[in-house]
Amino acid sequence: MSKTISILHDKGGVAKTTTSINLGTALWLMGKKVLMIDADKQCNLTMILDRTAISEHPDGTLYEWMRREQDTPPIYTRYEGLDFIPSCRQMAGLENELVNKKARERILSRLLDSVDVTGEKVRDEYDFIIIDCGPGCDTMVNTNALLASDGIIVPMFPESLSLHGVPTIRQAVKEINEELDGNVEIIGYLLTRYNSTKRLHKDIMHECQNIDIMGGPLLPIKIRECVRCAESVANEMSLFEYESTSTAADDYMRLAEYLCGVTKRNKKFTPEVWGKKANDAHEQLINERNEQ
């Protein structure tokens, strides 16, 4: 049974896209079939996965799929078993275009539940669907993402400003469940750029452990501060292609294992093993692009 997870925070710049690309890739490396959806008008996830998805196929994006409610989903393949639906700059205008649509909050959910050419629901073809949301909890696009999701992961820096968005997140989830008959849970808060040597980071971590304040658990995995995160994004790769032995790659793999219920890592499943699988797939991708 598939699981759909939105990566959401009320503010920007808290590693939502970094979490989406690395969590999605980690799940794929574990043998899961994964679909990543870029629901952010900034298109950062799309630019990492394949910037040509916008330039060469401007009509085949999430924007057109939701606006026209097309039968055929605009799904592209990065690697076999790792697919994505791209975003585009026009997503900024989607809010106004959905206003007069019937049941506009559930368009994405309906599309994911629609039957494609294989005779299966889009949702059922994948083990995990990861939705990279833009900033804000009250946008129509993010409301669609939440209603299409089983749960949300909230990435946040261990800083007081990240905590300011928590009440908004809790309220958004409450309203969606109570007023729109949703069934979404806060899977947990994910501390990113965490440095155990910094007093402030430890203080924020302890504050986040208060479930009465947060409305959901602090995830047991913390993404350690790592310069490779920014470098990998700049090179249009996940950490697993760029530097599989980095601390943050190990953290994202542990997050993927946590979501899959794996409590003890297979000793044969090492950074070198998953790095080779990711690098071989990436090399093949680059060769195919160069031949086109």
C-alpha atoms as a PDB file:
ATOM      1  CA  MET A   1       0.000   0.000   0.000  1.00  0.00           C
ATOM      2  CA  SER A   2       1.413   3.375  -1.009  1.00  0.00           C
ATOM      3  CA  LYS A   3       2.157   6.162   1.435  1.00  0.00           C
ATOM      4  CA  THR A   4       1.972   9.825   0.426  1.00  0.00           C
ATOM      5  CA  ILE A   5       4.023  12.318   2.419  1.00  0.00           C
ATOM      6  CA  SER A   6       4.108  16.104   2.065  1.00  0.00           C
ATOM      7  CA  ILE A   7       7.266  17.942   3.056  1.00  0.00           C
ATOM      8  CA  LEU A   8       5.882  21.195   4.462  1.00  0.00           C
ATOM      9  CA  HIS A   9       6.736  24.233   6.540  1.00  0.00           C
ATOM     10  CA  ASP A  10       5.105  27.636   6.740  1.00  0.00           C
ATOM     11  CA  LYS A  11       8.389  29.393   5.967  1.00  0.00           C
ATOM     12  CA  GLY A  12      10.949  28.930   3.222  1.00  0.00           C
ATOM     13  CA  GLY A  13      14.596  28.001   3.406  1.00  0.00           C
ATOM     14  CA  VAL A  14      14.314  25.169   5.938  1.00  0.00           C
ATOM     15  CA  ALA A  15      15.539  22.341   3.642  1.00  0.00           C
ATOM     16  CA  LYS A  16      12.179  21.164   2.272  1.00  0.00           C
ATOM     17  CA  THR A  17      13.576  20.460  -1.191  1.00  0.00           C
ATOM     18  CA  THR A  18      16.810  19.021   0.199  1.00  0.00           C
ATOM     19  CA  THR A  19      14.714  16.667   2.322  1.00  0.00           C
ATOM     20  CA  SER A  20      12.427  15.743  -0.588  1.00  0.00           C
ATOM     21  CA  ILE A  21      15.225  14.827  -3.022  1.00  0.00           C
ATOM     22  CA  ASN A  22      17.310  12.948  -0.470  1.00  0.00           C
ATOM     23  CA  LEU A  23      14.442  11.126   1.225  1.00  0.00           C
ATOM     24  CA  GLY A  24      12.993  10.127  -2.142  1.00  0.00           C
ATOM     25  CA  THR A  25      16.360   8.876  -3.392  1.00  0.00           C
ATOM     26  CA  ALA A  26      17.056   7.021  -0.142  1.00  0.00           C
ATOM     27  CA  LEU A  27      13.719   5.199  -0.380  1.00  0.00           C
ATOM     28  CA  TRP A  28      14.522   4.291  -3.999  1.00  0.00           C
ATOM     29  CA  LEU A  29      17.920   2.936  -2.952  1.00  0.00           C
ATOM     30  CA  MET A  30      16.089   0.749  -0.447  1.00  0.00           C
ATOM     31  CA  GLY A  31      14.202  -0.824  -3.349  1.00  0.00           C
ATOM     32  CA  LYS A  32      11.008   1.212  -3.085  1.00  0.00           C
ATOM     33  CA  LYS A  33       9.230   2.625  -6.129  1.00  0.00           C
ATOM     34  CA  VAL A  34       9.018   6.376  -5.586  1.00  0.00           C
ATOM     35  CA  LEU A  35       7.210   9.316  -7.176  1.00  0.00           C
ATOM     36  CA  MET A  36       8.337  12.827  -6.262  1.00  0.00           C
ATOM     37  CA  ILE A  37       6.005  15.752  -6.957  1.00  0.00           C
ATOM     38  CA  ASP A  38       7.278  19.318  -7.171  1.00  0.00           C
ATOM     39  CA  ALA A  39       4.437  21.534  -5.892  1.00  0.00           C
ATOM     40  CA  ASP A  40       6.586  24.645  -5.423  1.00  0.00           C
ATOM     41  CA  LYS A  41       6.516  27.528  -7.907  1.00  0.00           C
ATOM     42  CA  GLN A  42      10.264  27.962  -7.393  1.00  0.00           C
ATOM     43  CA  CYS A  43      10.768  24.604  -9.172  1.00  0.00           C
ATOM     44  CA  ASN A  44      13.890  23.746  -7.173  1.00  0.00           C
ATOM     45  CA  LEU A  45      13.177  20.022  -7.054  1.00  0.00           C
ATOM     46  CA  THR A  46      12.502  19.985 -10.790  1.00  0.00           C
ATOM     47  CA  MET A  47      15.761  21.810 -11.502  1.00  0.00           C
ATOM     48  CA  ILE A  48      17.693  19.178  -9.558  1.00  0.00           C
ATOM     49  CA  LEU A  49      15.953  16.216 -11.162  1.00  0.00           C
ATOM     50  CA  ASP A  50      15.806  17.453 -14.760  1.00  0.00           C
ATOM     51  CA  ARG A  51      15.585  21.088 -15.760  1.00  0.00           C
ATOM     52  CA  THR A  52      14.677  20.049 -19.349  1.00  0.00           C
ATOM     53  CA  ALA A  53      11.312  18.820 -18.069  1.00  0.00           C
ATOM     54  CA  ILE A  54      10.285  22.487 -18.058  1.00  0.00           C
ATOM     55  CA  SER A  55      12.055  23.801 -21.157  1.00  0.00           C
ATOM     56  CA  GLU A  56      11.236  20.871 -23.457  1.00  0.00           C
ATOM     57  CA  HIS A  57       7.784  19.959 -22.146  1.00  0.00           C
ATOM     58  CA  PRO A  58       6.121  23.136 -20.852  1.00  0.00           C
ATOM     59  CA  ASP A  59       2.652  21.571 -20.900  1.00  0.00           C
ATOM     60  CA  GLY A  60       3.675  18.442 -19.027  1.00  0.00           C
ATOM     61  CA  THR A  61       3.879  19.789 -15.491  1.00  0.00           C
ATOM     62  CA  LEU A  62       1.879  19.698 -12.264  1.00  0.00           C
ATOM     63  CA  TYR A  63       0.425  23.082 -13.206  1.00  0.00           C
ATOM     64  CA  GLU A  64      -1.194  21.774 -16.382  1.00  0.00           C
ATOM     65  CA  TRP A  65      -2.242  18.503 -14.763  1.00  0.00           C
ATOM     66  CA  MET A  66      -4.126  20.260 -11.979  1.00  0.00           C
ATOM     67  CA  ARG A  67      -5.463  23.073 -14.135  1.00  0.00           C
ATOM     68  CA  ARG A  68      -6.858  20.842 -16.864  1.00  0.00           C
ATOM     69  CA  GLU A  69      -7.350  17.719 -14.727  1.00  0.00           C
ATOM     70  CA  GLN A  70      -5.852  15.657 -17.524  1.00  0.00           C
ATOM     71  CA  ASP A  71      -6.170  11.890 -17.544  1.00  0.00           C
ATOM     72  CA  THR A  72      -2.513  11.274 -18.344  1.00  0.00           C
ATOM     73  CA  PRO A  73      -0.178  12.270 -15.507  1.00  0.00           C
ATOM     74  CA  PRO A  74       2.982  14.176 -16.557  1.00  0.00           C
ATOM     75  CA  ILE A  75       5.337  11.631 -15.031  1.00  0.00           C
ATOM     76  CA  TYR A  76       9.030  11.666 -15.945  1.00  0.00           C
ATOM     77  CA  THR A  77      11.674   9.131 -15.002  1.00  0.00           C
ATOM     78  CA  ARG A  78      14.993  10.000 -13.401  1.00  0.00           C
ATOM     79  CA  TYR A  79      16.023   6.398 -12.786  1.00  0.00           C
ATOM     80  CA  GLU A  80      14.031   3.217 -13.181  1.00  0.00           C
ATOM     81  CA  GLY A  81      11.715   3.167 -10.191  1.00  0.00           C
ATOM     82  CA  LEU A  82      12.321   6.832  -9.331  1.00  0.00           C
ATOM     83  CA  ASP A  83       9.822   9.105 -11.102  1.00  0.00           C
ATOM     84  CA  PHE A  84       8.778  12.728 -10.731  1.00  0.00           C
ATOM     85  CA  ILE A  85       6.159  15.275 -11.736  1.00  0.00           C
ATOM     86  CA  PRO A  86       7.780  18.660 -12.466  1.00  0.00           C
ATOM     87  CA  SER A  87       6.661  22.124 -11.492  1.00  0.00           C
ATOM     88  CA  CYS A  88       6.871  25.356 -13.489  1.00  0.00           C
ATOM     89  CA  ARG A  89       6.809  29.088 -12.859  1.00  0.00           C
ATOM     90  CA  GLN A  90       3.114  29.267 -13.789  1.00  0.00           C
ATOM     91  CA  MET A  91       2.314  27.530 -10.489  1.00  0.00           C
ATOM     92  CA  ALA A  92       2.231  31.031  -9.003  1.00  0.00           C
ATOM     93  CA  GLY A  93      -1.015  31.685 -10.871  1.00  0.00           C
ATOM     94  CA  LEU A  94      -2.654  28.360 -10.095  1.00  0.00           C
ATOM     95  CA  GLU A  95      -4.289  29.703  -6.932  1.00  0.00           C
ATOM     96  CA  ASN A  96      -6.557  32.017  -8.941  1.00  0.00           C
ATOM     97  CA  GLU A  97      -7.259  29.412 -11.620  1.00  0.00           C
ATOM     98  CA  LEU A  98      -8.579  26.882  -9.121  1.00  0.00           C
ATOM     99  CA  VAL A  99     -11.005  29.254  -7.382  1.00  0.00           C
ATOM    100  CA  ASN A 100     -14.065  28.336  -9.424  1.00  0.00           C
ATOM    101  CA  LYS A 101     -13.340  24.618  -9.758  1.00  0.00           C
ATOM    102  CA  LYS A 102     -15.596  22.110  -8.054  1.00  0.00           C
ATOM    103  CA  ALA A 103     -14.075  20.550  -4.922  1.00  0.00           C
ATOM    104  CA  ARG A 104     -10.930  22.508  -5.715  1.00  0.00           C
ATOM    105  CA  GLU A 105      -9.177  21.389  -2.530  1.00  0.00           C
ATOM    106  CA  ARG A 106      -9.188  17.758  -3.681  1.00  0.00           C
ATOM    107  CA  ILE A 107      -8.017  18.068  -7.271  1.00  0.00           C
ATOM    108  CA  LEU A 108      -4.600  16.514  -6.626  1.00  0.00           C
ATOM    109  CA  SER A 109      -6.125  13.726  -4.565  1.00  0.00           C
ATOM    110  CA  ARG A 110      -8.579  12.923  -7.371  1.00  0.00           C
ATOM    111  CA  LEU A 111      -5.788  12.906  -9.933  1.00  0.00           C
ATOM    112  CA  LEU A 112      -3.617  10.565  -7.883  1.00  0.00           C
ATOM    113  CA  ASP A 113      -6.618   8.264  -7.482  1.00  0.00           C
ATOM    114  CA  SER A 114      -7.433   8.334 -11.200  1.00  0.00           C
ATOM    115  CA  VAL A 115      -6.751   5.290 -13.365  1.00  0.00           C
ATOM    116  CA  ASP A 116      -3.950   5.677 -15.918  1.00  0.00           C
ATOM    117  CA  VAL A 117      -3.127   3.738 -19.100  1.00  0.00           C
ATOM    118  CA  THR A 118      -1.871   0.747 -17.081  1.00  0.00           C
ATOM    119  CA  GLY A 119      -5.323   0.296 -15.569  1.00  0.00           C
ATOM    120  CA  GLU A 120      -4.113   1.170 -12.080  1.00  0.00           C
ATOM    121  CA  LYS A 121      -4.531   4.211  -9.918  1.00  0.00           C
ATOM    122  CA  VAL A 122      -1.517   6.497 -10.157  1.00  0.00           C
ATOM    123  CA  ARG A 123      -1.143   6.342  -6.386  1.00  0.00           C
ATOM    124  CA  ASP A 124      -1.109   2.537  -6.301  1.00  0.00           C
ATOM    125  CA  GLU A 125       1.828   2.245  -8.686  1.00  0.00           C
ATOM    126  CA  TYR A 126       4.218   3.565  -6.049  1.00  0.00           C
ATOM    127  CA  ASP A 127       5.355   2.593  -2.580  1.00  0.00           C
ATOM    128  CA  PHE A 128       5.956   6.234  -1.646  1.00  0.00           C
ATOM    129  CA  ILE A 129       4.880   9.581  -3.061  1.00  0.00           C
ATOM    130  CA  ILE A 130       6.860  12.563  -1.771  1.00  0.00           C
ATOM    131  CA  ILE A 131       5.378  16.044  -2.336  1.00  0.00           C
ATOM    132  CA  ASP A 132       7.771  18.989  -2.091  1.00  0.00           C
ATOM    133  CA  CYS A 133       5.541  21.885  -0.988  1.00  0.00           C
ATOM    134  CA  GLY A 134       6.222  25.588  -1.303  1.00  0.00           C
ATOM    135  CA  PRO A 135       6.177  27.868   1.763  1.00  0.00           C
ATOM    136  CA  GLY A 136       2.831  28.557   3.415  1.00  0.00           C
ATOM    137  CA  CYS A 137       0.138  26.386   4.939  1.00  0.00           C
ATOM    138  CA  ASP A 138      -2.933  28.200   3.627  1.00  0.00           C
ATOM    139  CA  THR A 139      -2.316  28.148  -0.127  1.00  0.00           C
ATOM    140  CA  MET A 140      -4.695  26.208  -2.344  1.00  0.00           C
ATOM    141  CA  VAL A 141      -1.859  24.111  -3.797  1.00  0.00           C
ATOM    142  CA  ASN A 142      -0.599  23.111  -0.355  1.00  0.00           C
ATOM    143  CA  THR A 143      -4.140  22.385   0.807  1.00  0.00           C
ATOM    144  CA  ASN A 144      -4.394  20.019  -2.158  1.00  0.00           C
ATOM    145  CA  ALA A 145      -1.093  18.420  -1.171  1.00  0.00           C
ATOM    146  CA  LEU A 146      -2.206  17.898   2.423  1.00  0.00           C
ATOM    147  CA  LEU A 147      -5.563  16.393   1.458  1.00  0.00           C
ATOM    148  CA  ALA A 148      -3.742  14.025  -0.889  1.00  0.00           C
ATOM    149  CA  SER A 149      -1.297  12.978   1.845  1.00  0.00           C
ATOM    150  CA  ASP A 150      -1.292  10.441   4.624  1.00  0.00           C
ATOM    151  CA  GLY A 151       1.041  12.614   6.657  1.00  0.00           C
ATOM    152  CA  ILE A 152       3.500  15.484   6.662  1.00  0.00           C
ATOM    153  CA  ILE A 153       7.131  15.835   7.654  1.00  0.00           C
ATOM    154  CA  VAL A 154       8.111  19.300   8.844  1.00  0.00           C
ATOM    155  CA  PRO A 155      11.797  20.122   8.261  1.00  0.00           C
ATOM    156  CA  MET A 156      13.073  22.918  10.478  1.00  0.00           C
ATOM    157  CA  PHE A 157      16.351  24.494  11.424  1.00  0.00           C
ATOM    158  CA  PRO A 158      17.164  24.399  15.158  1.00  0.00           C
ATOM    159  CA  GLU A 159      16.422  28.110  15.424  1.00  0.00           C
ATOM    160  CA  SER A 160      13.658  30.030  17.164  1.00  0.00           C
ATOM    161  CA  LEU A 161      12.296  31.404  13.870  1.00  0.00           C
ATOM    162  CA  SER A 162      11.494  27.878  12.681  1.00  0.00           C
ATOM    163  CA  LEU A 163       9.438  27.338  15.817  1.00  0.00           C
ATOM    164  CA  HIS A 164       7.297  30.367  14.999  1.00  0.00           C
ATOM    165  CA  GLY A 165       5.643  28.464  12.160  1.00  0.00           C
ATOM    166  CA  VAL A 166       4.560  25.529  14.346  1.00  0.00           C
ATOM    167  CA  PRO A 167       1.157  26.978  15.434  1.00  0.00           C
ATOM    168  CA  THR A 168       0.301  27.692  11.795  1.00  0.00           C
ATOM    169  CA  ILE A 169       1.159  24.143  10.791  1.00  0.00           C
ATOM    170  CA  ARG A 170      -0.883  22.654  13.620  1.00  0.00           C
ATOM    171  CA  GLN A 171      -3.865  24.857  12.769  1.00  0.00           C
ATOM    172  CA  ALA A 172      -3.681  23.969   9.077  1.00  0.00           C
ATOM    173  CA  VAL A 173      -3.702  20.245   9.824  1.00  0.00           C
ATOM    174  CA  LYS A 174      -6.572  20.668  12.297  1.00  0.00           C
ATOM    175  CA  GLU A 175      -8.713  22.633   9.832  1.00  0.00           C
ATOM    176  CA  ILE A 176      -8.084  20.200   6.997  1.00  0.00           C
ATOM    177  CA  ASN A 177      -9.057  17.231   9.146  1.00  0.00           C
ATOM    178  CA  GLU A 178     -12.085  18.848  10.791  1.00  0.00           C
ATOM    179  CA  GLU A 179     -13.461  21.123   8.092  1.00  0.00           C
ATOM    180  CA  LEU A 180     -12.462  19.287   4.915  1.00  0.00           C
ATOM    181  CA  ASP A 181     -12.737  15.738   6.252  1.00  0.00           C
ATOM    182  CA  GLY A 182      -9.053  15.069   5.789  1.00  0.00           C
ATOM    183  CA  ASN A 183      -7.027  12.319   7.382  1.00  0.00           C
ATOM    184  CA  VAL A 184      -3.521  13.747   7.553  1.00  0.00           C
ATOM    185  CA  GLU A 185      -1.168  13.444  10.513  1.00  0.00           C
ATOM    186  CA  ILE A 186       2.034  15.175  11.488  1.00  0.00           C
ATOM    187  CA  ILE A 187       4.485  12.310  11.063  1.00  0.00           C
ATOM    188  CA  GLY A 188       7.095  14.399  12.803  1.00  0.00           C
ATOM    189  CA  TYR A 189       9.364  17.397  12.916  1.00  0.00           C
ATOM    190  CA  LEU A 190      12.770  16.904  11.319  1.00  0.00           C
ATOM    191  CA  LEU A 191      15.676  18.958  12.596  1.00  0.00           C
ATOM    192  CA  THR A 192      18.019  19.871   9.742  1.00  0.00           C
ATOM    193  CA  ARG A 193      21.487  21.419   9.838  1.00  0.00           C
ATOM    194  CA  TYR A 194      21.778  20.127  13.365  1.00  0.00           C
ATOM    195  CA  ASN A 195      25.061  20.650  15.220  1.00  0.00           C
ATOM    196  CA  SER A 196      25.281  18.970  18.624  1.00  0.00           C
ATOM    197  CA  THR A 197      28.122  21.277  19.684  1.00  0.00           C
ATOM    198  CA  LYS A 198      25.875  24.354  19.556  1.00  0.00           C
ATOM    199  CA  ARG A 199      23.968  25.170  22.719  1.00  0.00           C
ATOM    200  CA  LEU A 200      21.070  26.785  20.850  1.00  0.00           C
ATOM    201  CA  HIS A 201      20.564  23.673  18.741  1.00  0.00           C
ATOM    202  CA  LYS A 202      20.336  21.513  21.849  1.00  0.00           C
ATOM    203  CA  ASP A 203      17.899  23.938  23.467  1.00  0.00           C
ATOM    204  CA  ILE A 204      15.636  23.961  20.406  1.00  0.00           C
ATOM    205  CA  MET A 205      15.786  20.163  20.232  1.00  0.00           C
ATOM    206  CA  HIS A 206      14.596  19.860  23.820  1.00  0.00           C
ATOM    207  CA  GLU A 207      11.780  22.342  23.166  1.00  0.00           C
ATOM    208  CA  CYS A 208      10.681  20.365  20.107  1.00  0.00           C
ATOM    209  CA  GLN A 209      10.376  17.227  22.224  1.00  0.00           C
ATOM    210  CA  ASN A 210       7.309  18.731  23.928  1.00  0.00           C
ATOM    211  CA  ILE A 211       4.548  17.127  21.888  1.00  0.00           C
ATOM    212  CA  ASP A 212       1.905  19.319  23.553  1.00  0.00           C
ATOM    213  CA  ILE A 213       3.544  22.345  21.960  1.00  0.00           C
ATOM    214  CA  MET A 214       4.406  20.780  18.613  1.00  0.00           C
ATOM    215  CA  GLY A 215       1.279  18.713  17.988  1.00  0.00           C
ATOM    216  CA  GLY A 216       3.451  15.909  16.673  1.00  0.00           C
ATOM    217  CA  PRO A 217       6.653  14.088  17.576  1.00  0.00           C
ATOM    218  CA  LEU A 218      10.209  15.187  17.052  1.00  0.00           C
ATOM    219  CA  LEU A 219      11.638  12.581  14.693  1.00  0.00           C
ATOM    220  CA  PRO A 220      14.423  10.515  16.261  1.00  0.00           C
ATOM    221  CA  ILE A 221      16.688  11.220  13.286  1.00  0.00           C
ATOM    222  CA  LYS A 222      18.405  14.598  12.999  1.00  0.00           C
ATOM    223  CA  ILE A 223      20.045  15.757   9.768  1.00  0.00           C
ATOM    224  CA  ARG A 224      23.498  16.855  10.772  1.00  0.00           C
ATOM    225  CA  GLU A 225      25.025  20.073   9.499  1.00  0.00           C
ATOM    226  CA  CYS A 226      26.877  19.200   6.311  1.00  0.00           C
ATOM    227  CA  VAL A 227      28.319  21.395   3.563  1.00  0.00           C
ATOM    228  CA  ARG A 228      27.720  18.561   1.076  1.00  0.00           C
ATOM    229  CA  CYS A 229      23.971  19.287   1.168  1.00  0.00           C
ATOM    230  CA  ALA A 230      24.352  22.649  -0.566  1.00  0.00           C
ATOM    231  CA  GLU A 231      27.058  21.348  -2.884  1.00  0.00           C
ATOM    232  CA  SER A 232      24.960  18.409  -4.067  1.00  0.00           C
ATOM    233  CA  VAL A 233      21.965  20.626  -4.857  1.00  0.00           C
ATOM    234  CA  ALA A 234      24.207  23.020  -6.798  1.00  0.00           C
ATOM    235  CA  ASN A 235      25.397  20.049  -8.855  1.00  0.00           C
ATOM    236  CA  GLU A 236      21.831  18.812  -9.467  1.00  0.00           C
ATOM    237  CA  MET A 237      22.305  15.611  -7.489  1.00  0.00           C
ATOM    238  CA  SER A 238      21.112  14.048  -4.294  1.00  0.00           C
ATOM    239  CA  LEU A 239      23.688  13.425  -1.591  1.00  0.00           C
ATOM    240  CA  PHE A 240      23.791   9.783  -2.625  1.00  0.00           C
ATOM    241  CA  GLU A 241      25.144  10.564  -6.086  1.00  0.00           C
ATOM    242  CA  TYR A 242      27.324  13.414  -4.893  1.00  0.00           C
ATOM    243  CA  GLU A 243      28.842  12.111  -1.649  1.00  0.00           C
ATOM    244  CA  SER A 244      27.313   8.897  -0.395  1.00  0.00           C
ATOM    245  CA  THR A 245      29.621   8.736   2.639  1.00  0.00           C
ATOM    246  CA  SER A 246      28.589  12.144   3.998  1.00  0.00           C
ATOM    247  CA  THR A 247      26.981  12.377   7.425  1.00  0.00           C
ATOM    248  CA  ALA A 248      23.789  13.900   6.006  1.00  0.00           C
ATOM    249  CA  ALA A 249      23.421  11.069   3.464  1.00  0.00           C
ATOM    250  CA  ASP A 250      23.586   8.591   6.330  1.00  0.00           C
ATOM    251  CA  ASP A 251      20.975  10.619   8.237  1.00  0.00           C
ATOM    252  CA  TYR A 252      18.553  10.706   5.306  1.00  0.00           C
ATOM    253  CA  MET A 253      19.003   6.978   4.805  1.00  0.00           C
ATOM    254  CA  ARG A 254      18.164   6.427   8.470  1.00  0.00           C
ATOM    255  CA  LEU A 255      15.051   8.576   7.994  1.00  0.00           C
ATOM    256  CA  ALA A 256      14.014   6.401   5.041  1.00  0.00           C
ATOM    257  CA  GLU A 257      14.623   3.278   7.109  1.00  0.00           C
ATOM    258  CA  TYR A 258      12.565   4.742   9.950  1.00  0.00           C
ATOM    259  CA  LEU A 259       9.619   5.365   7.615  1.00  0.00           C
ATOM    260  CA  CYS A 260       9.884   1.800   6.317  1.00  0.00           C
ATOM    261  CA  GLY A 261       9.957   0.353   9.813  1.00  0.00           C
ATOM    262  CA  VAL A 262      13.565  -0.814   9.566  1.00  0.00           C
ATOM    263  CA  THR A 263      15.061  -0.738  13.045  1.00  0.00           C
ATOM    264  CA  LYS A 264      18.421  -2.322  12.289  1.00  0.00           C
ATOM    265  CA  ARG A 265      20.516  -1.648   9.213  1.00  0.00           C
ATOM    266  CA  ASN A 266      21.663  -4.574   7.069  1.00  0.00           C
ATOM    267  CA  LYS A 267      25.444  -4.729   7.475  1.00  0.00           C
ATOM    268  CA  LYS A 268      25.782  -5.282   3.738  1.00  0.00           C
ATOM    269  CA  PHE A 269      23.841  -2.093   2.994  1.00  0.00           C
ATOM    270  CA  THR A 270      26.666   0.422   3.304  1.00  0.00           C
ATOM    271  CA  PRO A 271      27.337   3.931   1.941  1.00  0.00           C
ATOM    272  CA  GLU A 272      29.651   2.355  -0.621  1.00  0.00           C
ATOM    273  CA  VAL A 273      26.883   0.016  -1.814  1.00  0.00           C
ATOM    274  CA  TRP A 274      24.168   2.632  -2.120  1.00  0.00           C
ATOM    275  CA  GLY A 275      26.676   5.112  -3.526  1.00  0.00           C
ATOM    276  CA  LYS A 276      27.584   2.716  -6.340  1.00  0.00           C
ATOM    277  CA  LYS A 277      23.932   2.135  -7.223  1.00  0.00           C
ATOM    278  CA  ALA A 278      23.258   5.890  -7.273  1.00  0.00           C
ATOM    279  CA  ASN A 279      26.420   6.736  -9.217  1.00  0.00           C
ATOM    280  CA  ASP A 280      25.869   4.014 -11.815  1.00  0.00           C
ATOM    281  CA  ALA A 281      22.306   5.220 -12.398  1.00  0.00           C
ATOM    282  CA  HIS A 282      23.422   8.848 -12.599  1.00  0.00           C
ATOM    283  CA  GLU A 283      26.204   8.036 -15.056  1.00  0.00           C
ATOM    284  CA  GLN A 284      23.734   6.206 -17.279  1.00  0.00           C
ATOM    285  CA  LEU A 285      21.348   9.188 -17.073  1.00  0.00           C
ATOM    286  CA  ILE A 286      24.069  11.634 -18.145  1.00  0.00           C
ATOM    287  CA  ASN A 287      25.149   9.385 -21.020  1.00  0.00           C
ATOM    288  CA  GLU A 288      21.557   9.133 -22.261  1.00  0.00           C
ATOM    289  CA  ARG A 289      21.133  12.906 -22.117  1.00  0.00           C
ATOM    290  CA  ASN A 290      24.379  13.453 -24.031  1.00  0.00           C
ATOM    291  CA  GLU A 291      23.222  11.082 -26.767  1.00  0.00           C
ATOM    292  CA  GLN A 292      19.964  12.982 -27.317  1.00  0.00           C
END
